[in-house]
Amino acid sequence: MGDETQSALGCAVGSLPHDQREVLVLKIWNELTFNEIAGALEISQNTAASRYRYALANLKKSLQRMNDFLELEDNSRSCDRAQAVAVSV
């Protein structure tokens, strides 16, 4: 994974609500089951699974917004370069 991708992912994970981030970290990085997460956090398995699903959905939205922004920024730079070339001609 590239540095830019890791940075975007870290930012997106950091922006999640605490309860969603907590479950996501336990599930993905600590490789716990929903049963183990439920026991560790003293919540039901369904709540653990629900928080995980919400976390993934929020990550997807956040990363899509970041991607859209980067594409806009790239397009803007392309337009600036094209305008600079047109002016110099």
N, C-alpha and C. Protein backbone atom coordinates (compact mmCIF):
# COMPACT_ATOMS: atom_id res chain seq x y z
N MET A 1 0.85 -1.17 0.00
CA MET A 1 0.00 0.00 0.00
C MET A 1 0.90 1.23 0.00
N GLY A 2 0.61 2.19 -0.88
CA GLY A 2 1.41 3.40 -0.98
C GLY A 2 1.19 4.33 0.21
N ASP A 3 2.13 5.24 0.39
CA ASP A 3 2.05 6.19 1.50
C ASP A 3 0.79 7.04 1.45
N GLU A 4 0.43 7.48 0.24
CA GLU A 4 -0.77 8.31 0.09
C GLU A 4 -2.03 7.54 0.46
N THR A 5 -2.08 6.27 0.05
CA THR A 5 -3.22 5.42 0.37
C THR A 5 -3.30 5.16 1.87
N GLN A 6 -2.14 4.85 2.48
CA GLN A 6 -2.11 4.62 3.93
C GLN A 6 -2.55 5.86 4.68
N SER A 7 -2.09 7.00 4.23
CA SER A 7 -2.45 8.26 4.88
C SER A 7 -3.96 8.52 4.78
N ALA A 8 -4.52 8.29 3.60
CA ALA A 8 -5.97 8.48 3.41
C ALA A 8 -6.76 7.52 4.27
N LEU A 9 -6.32 6.26 4.32
CA LEU A 9 -7.00 5.26 5.13
C LEU A 9 -6.92 5.62 6.62
N GLY A 10 -5.74 6.03 7.06
CA GLY A 10 -5.57 6.43 8.46
C GLY A 10 -6.46 7.61 8.82
N CYS A 11 -6.55 8.57 7.93
CA CYS A 11 -7.41 9.73 8.15
C CYS A 11 -8.88 9.31 8.21
N ALA A 12 -9.28 8.44 7.30
CA ALA A 12 -10.67 7.98 7.26
C ALA A 12 -11.01 7.18 8.51
N VAL A 13 -10.12 6.30 8.94
CA VAL A 13 -10.36 5.51 10.16
C VAL A 13 -10.42 6.44 11.37
N GLY A 14 -9.52 7.41 11.41
CA GLY A 14 -9.50 8.36 12.52
C GLY A 14 -10.74 9.22 12.62
N SER A 15 -11.44 9.39 11.50
CA SER A 15 -12.64 10.23 11.51
C SER A 15 -13.91 9.45 11.91
N LEU A 16 -13.79 8.13 12.06
CA LEU A 16 -14.94 7.33 12.47
C LEU A 16 -15.33 7.64 13.91
N PRO A 17 -16.62 7.49 14.25
CA PRO A 17 -17.01 7.59 15.65
C PRO A 17 -16.26 6.53 16.47
N HIS A 18 -15.96 6.84 17.71
CA HIS A 18 -15.14 5.98 18.57
C HIS A 18 -15.64 4.53 18.60
N ASP A 19 -16.95 4.34 18.78
CA ASP A 19 -17.47 2.97 18.90
C ASP A 19 -17.27 2.16 17.62
N GLN A 20 -17.39 2.82 16.47
CA GLN A 20 -17.18 2.12 15.20
C GLN A 20 -15.68 1.84 14.97
N ARG A 21 -14.86 2.82 15.27
CA ARG A 21 -13.41 2.66 15.11
C ARG A 21 -12.88 1.53 15.99
N GLU A 22 -13.40 1.48 17.22
CA GLU A 22 -12.97 0.46 18.18
C GLU A 22 -13.25 -0.95 17.65
N VAL A 23 -14.46 -1.16 17.14
CA VAL A 23 -14.83 -2.48 16.61
C VAL A 23 -14.03 -2.79 15.35
N LEU A 24 -13.87 -1.80 14.47
CA LEU A 24 -13.12 -2.01 13.23
C LEU A 24 -11.68 -2.43 13.53
N VAL A 25 -11.03 -1.76 14.45
CA VAL A 25 -9.64 -2.09 14.80
C VAL A 25 -9.55 -3.49 15.40
N LEU A 26 -10.48 -3.82 16.29
CA LEU A 26 -10.46 -5.15 16.90
C LEU A 26 -10.71 -6.24 15.85
N LYS A 27 -11.59 -5.97 14.91
CA LYS A 27 -11.94 -6.96 13.89
C LYS A 27 -10.82 -7.14 12.86
N ILE A 28 -10.33 -6.04 12.31
CA ILE A 28 -9.37 -6.13 11.21
C ILE A 28 -7.94 -6.31 11.70
N TRP A 29 -7.48 -5.43 12.57
CA TRP A 29 -6.07 -5.47 12.95
C TRP A 29 -5.79 -6.50 14.06
N ASN A 30 -6.74 -6.70 14.95
CA ASN A 30 -6.53 -7.69 16.03
C ASN A 30 -7.12 -9.05 15.67
N GLU A 31 -7.85 -9.11 14.55
CA GLU A 31 -8.43 -10.34 14.02
C GLU A 31 -9.32 -11.07 15.03
N LEU A 32 -10.10 -10.30 15.79
CA LEU A 32 -11.04 -10.90 16.74
C LEU A 32 -12.34 -11.24 16.02
N THR A 33 -13.05 -12.22 16.54
CA THR A 33 -14.39 -12.55 16.03
C THR A 33 -15.38 -11.58 16.65
N PHE A 34 -16.60 -11.54 16.12
CA PHE A 34 -17.63 -10.69 16.71
C PHE A 34 -17.94 -11.14 18.14
N ASN A 35 -17.88 -12.43 18.38
CA ASN A 35 -18.10 -12.95 19.73
C ASN A 35 -17.03 -12.42 20.69
N GLU A 36 -15.77 -12.45 20.25
CA GLU A 36 -14.68 -11.95 21.09
C GLU A 36 -14.78 -10.44 21.31
N ILE A 37 -15.15 -9.72 20.26
CA ILE A 37 -15.32 -8.27 20.37
C ILE A 37 -16.44 -7.95 21.35
N ALA A 38 -17.54 -8.68 21.21
CA ALA A 38 -18.69 -8.47 22.11
C ALA A 38 -18.28 -8.67 23.57
N GLY A 39 -17.52 -9.72 23.82
CA GLY A 39 -17.07 -9.98 25.19
C GLY A 39 -16.13 -8.90 25.70
N ALA A 40 -15.20 -8.47 24.87
CA ALA A 40 -14.22 -7.45 25.26
C ALA A 40 -14.87 -6.10 25.54
N LEU A 41 -15.89 -5.76 24.76
CA LEU A 41 -16.53 -4.45 24.89
C LEU A 41 -17.82 -4.49 25.71
N GLU A 42 -18.21 -5.69 26.12
CA GLU A 42 -19.45 -5.88 26.88
C GLU A 42 -20.67 -5.35 26.13
N ILE A 43 -20.73 -5.79 24.86
CA ILE A 43 -21.88 -5.48 23.99
C ILE A 43 -22.33 -6.79 23.36
N SER A 44 -23.47 -6.77 22.70
CA SER A 44 -23.93 -7.99 22.04
C SER A 44 -23.17 -8.21 20.73
N GLN A 45 -23.21 -9.45 20.25
CA GLN A 45 -22.59 -9.76 18.96
C GLN A 45 -23.24 -8.95 17.84
N ASN A 46 -24.56 -8.82 17.92
CA ASN A 46 -25.27 -8.05 16.90
C ASN A 46 -24.82 -6.59 16.88
N THR A 47 -24.60 -6.02 18.06
CA THR A 47 -24.13 -4.64 18.15
C THR A 47 -22.73 -4.52 17.56
N ALA A 48 -21.87 -5.49 17.87
CA ALA A 48 -20.51 -5.49 17.32
C ALA A 48 -20.56 -5.56 15.79
N ALA A 49 -21.37 -6.45 15.27
CA ALA A 49 -21.49 -6.61 13.82
C ALA A 49 -22.08 -5.36 13.17
N SER A 50 -23.06 -4.77 13.82
CA SER A 50 -23.69 -3.55 13.31
C SER A 50 -22.70 -2.40 13.27
N ARG A 51 -21.93 -2.23 14.34
CA ARG A 51 -20.93 -1.16 14.38
C ARG A 51 -19.88 -1.37 13.29
N TYR A 52 -19.53 -2.61 13.06
CA TYR A 52 -18.56 -2.93 12.01
C TYR A 52 -19.11 -2.56 10.63
N ARG A 53 -20.35 -2.93 10.37
CA ARG A 53 -20.98 -2.60 9.08
C ARG A 53 -21.06 -1.09 8.89
N TYR A 54 -21.46 -0.37 9.94
CA TYR A 54 -21.52 1.09 9.85
C TYR A 54 -20.13 1.68 9.62
N ALA A 55 -19.12 1.14 10.28
CA ALA A 55 -17.75 1.61 10.10
C ALA A 55 -17.31 1.43 8.66
N LEU A 56 -17.57 0.26 8.09
CA LEU A 56 -17.18 0.01 6.70
C LEU A 56 -17.92 0.95 5.74
N ALA A 57 -19.20 1.16 5.98
CA ALA A 57 -19.98 2.06 5.13
C ALA A 57 -19.44 3.49 5.23
N ASN A 58 -19.12 3.92 6.45
CA ASN A 58 -18.59 5.27 6.63
C ASN A 58 -17.20 5.42 6.01
N LEU A 59 -16.39 4.38 6.12
CA LEU A 59 -15.07 4.40 5.48
C LEU A 59 -15.21 4.53 3.96
N LYS A 60 -16.13 3.77 3.41
CA LYS A 60 -16.34 3.82 1.96
C LYS A 60 -16.73 5.23 1.53
N LYS A 61 -17.66 5.85 2.26
CA LYS A 61 -18.09 7.22 1.93
C LYS A 61 -16.92 8.19 2.05
N SER A 62 -16.20 8.09 3.14
CA SER A 62 -15.09 9.01 3.40
C SER A 62 -14.00 8.88 2.33
N LEU A 63 -13.63 7.65 2.00
CA LEU A 63 -12.60 7.44 1.00
C LEU A 63 -13.08 7.86 -0.38
N GLN A 64 -14.35 7.69 -0.67
CA GLN A 64 -14.89 8.13 -1.96
C GLN A 64 -14.84 9.66 -2.06
N ARG A 65 -15.19 10.35 -0.96
CA ARG A 65 -15.10 11.82 -0.96
C ARG A 65 -13.65 12.27 -1.17
N MET A 66 -12.71 11.60 -0.50
CA MET A 66 -11.29 11.95 -0.68
C MET A 66 -10.87 11.72 -2.12
N ASN A 67 -11.28 10.61 -2.70
CA ASN A 67 -10.95 10.30 -4.08
C ASN A 67 -11.55 11.34 -5.03
N ASP A 68 -12.80 11.70 -4.80
CA ASP A 68 -13.45 12.71 -5.63
C ASP A 68 -12.70 14.03 -5.56
N PHE A 69 -12.28 14.41 -4.35
CA PHE A 69 -11.53 15.65 -4.16
C PHE A 69 -10.21 15.59 -4.91
N LEU A 70 -9.50 14.48 -4.80
CA LEU A 70 -8.21 14.34 -5.48
C LEU A 70 -8.38 14.39 -7.00
N GLU A 71 -9.46 13.79 -7.50
CA GLU A 71 -9.72 13.85 -8.94
C GLU A 71 -10.00 15.27 -9.37
N LEU A 72 -10.78 16.01 -8.58
CA LEU A 72 -11.06 17.41 -8.89
C LEU A 72 -9.77 18.22 -8.89
N GLU A 73 -8.94 17.96 -7.89
CA GLU A 73 -7.67 18.67 -7.78
C GLU A 73 -6.79 18.37 -8.99
N ASP A 74 -6.76 17.11 -9.41
CA ASP A 74 -5.98 16.71 -10.58
C ASP A 74 -6.51 17.41 -11.84
N ASN A 75 -7.84 17.41 -12.00
CA ASN A 75 -8.45 18.06 -13.16
C ASN A 75 -8.15 19.55 -13.16
N SER A 76 -8.17 20.15 -11.99
CA SER A 76 -7.89 21.58 -11.87
C SER A 76 -6.47 21.87 -12.32
N ARG A 77 -5.52 21.03 -11.89
CA ARG A 77 -4.12 21.21 -12.30
C ARG A 77 -3.98 21.05 -13.80
N SER A 78 -4.70 20.09 -14.38
CA SER A 78 -4.64 19.88 -15.82
C SER A 78 -5.17 21.11 -16.56
N CYS A 79 -6.24 21.68 -16.04
CA CYS A 79 -6.82 22.88 -16.65
C CYS A 79 -5.84 24.04 -16.54
N ASP A 80 -5.20 24.18 -15.37
CA ASP A 80 -4.23 25.25 -15.18
C ASP A 80 -3.08 25.11 -16.17
N ARG A 81 -2.59 23.87 -16.34
CA ARG A 81 -1.49 23.64 -17.30
C ARG A 81 -1.95 23.94 -18.72
N ALA A 82 -3.15 23.52 -19.07
CA ALA A 82 -3.67 23.77 -20.41
C ALA A 82 -3.83 25.27 -20.66
N GLN A 83 -4.30 25.99 -19.67
CA GLN A 83 -4.46 27.43 -19.80
C GLN A 83 -3.10 28.11 -19.95
N ALA A 84 -2.11 27.64 -19.19
CA ALA A 84 -0.76 28.22 -19.27
C ALA A 84 -0.17 28.00 -20.66
N VAL A 85 -0.40 26.81 -21.22
CA VAL A 85 0.10 26.52 -22.56
C VAL A 85 -0.60 27.39 -23.58
N ALA A 86 -1.93 27.54 -23.42
CA ALA A 86 -2.71 28.35 -24.37
C ALA A 86 -2.28 29.81 -24.33
N VAL A 87 -1.97 30.31 -23.16
CA VAL A 87 -1.55 31.71 -23.02
C VAL A 87 -0.18 31.92 -23.63
N SER A 88 0.71 30.94 -23.48
CA SER A 88 2.07 31.09 -23.99
C SER A 88 2.17 30.93 -25.50
N VAL A 89 1.14 30.40 -26.13
CA VAL A 89 1.16 30.14 -27.58
C VAL A 89 0.79 31.35 -28.35
